[in-house]
Amino acid sequence: MKNGVPFDRLFECGPLTDYERFAFSILFSEFEGSGIWNWSSMQFDKKE
């Protein structure tokens, strides 16, 4: 469990598509403090 998300349960919901996994990884990375995802540049921008 990380950030209150039980990852073992998340992936038991059924197979996720590549774009769903990508979206989850962005979301959880933002929770970790990686910054804000910039869709135009496809990278994280630092939080201000």
Protein backbone atom coordinates (compact mmCIF):
# COMPACT_ATOMS: atom_id res chain seq x y z
CA MET A 1 0.00 0.00 0.00
CA LYS A 2 1.31 3.41 -0.91
CA ASN A 3 -0.48 6.73 -0.50
CA GLY A 4 -3.51 4.82 0.71
CA VAL A 5 -3.74 2.88 -2.56
CA PRO A 6 -3.66 -0.91 -2.24
CA PHE A 7 -1.78 -1.69 -5.47
CA ASP A 8 -2.44 -5.40 -5.27
CA ARG A 9 -6.17 -4.66 -5.42
CA LEU A 10 -5.82 -2.12 -8.21
CA PHE A 11 -4.43 -4.61 -10.69
CA GLU A 12 -6.89 -7.33 -9.69
CA CYS A 13 -9.70 -5.31 -11.28
CA GLY A 14 -8.88 -6.87 -14.60
CA PRO A 15 -6.38 -6.21 -17.32
CA LEU A 16 -5.56 -2.55 -17.80
CA THR A 17 -4.77 -1.11 -21.18
CA ASP A 18 -1.43 0.57 -21.78
CA TYR A 19 -2.96 4.04 -21.60
CA GLU A 20 -4.71 3.22 -18.31
CA ARG A 21 -1.43 2.06 -16.78
CA PHE A 22 0.24 5.22 -18.09
CA ALA A 23 -2.48 7.38 -16.54
CA PHE A 24 -2.21 5.61 -13.18
CA SER A 25 1.56 5.98 -13.17
CA ILE A 26 1.25 9.73 -13.82
CA LEU A 27 -1.37 10.13 -11.11
CA PHE A 28 0.59 8.19 -8.49
CA SER A 29 3.81 10.01 -9.43
CA GLU A 30 2.05 13.32 -8.80
CA PHE A 31 1.02 11.98 -5.38
CA GLU A 32 4.71 11.25 -4.73
CA GLY A 33 5.61 14.86 -5.45
CA SER A 34 7.18 14.41 -8.89
CA GLY A 35 5.52 17.61 -10.09
CA ILE A 36 2.61 18.32 -12.39
CA TRP A 37 2.36 16.35 -15.64
CA ASN A 38 2.55 18.56 -18.72
CA TRP A 39 0.71 16.88 -21.59
CA SER A 40 2.28 19.18 -24.19
CA SER A 41 5.88 18.37 -23.29
CA MET A 42 5.08 14.85 -21.96
CA GLN A 43 7.19 15.42 -18.84
CA PHE A 44 6.78 16.59 -15.28
CA ASP A 45 6.96 20.31 -14.49
CA LYS A 46 8.18 21.24 -11.04
CA LYS A 47 5.56 22.39 -8.58
CA GLU A 48 5.58 26.08 -7.89
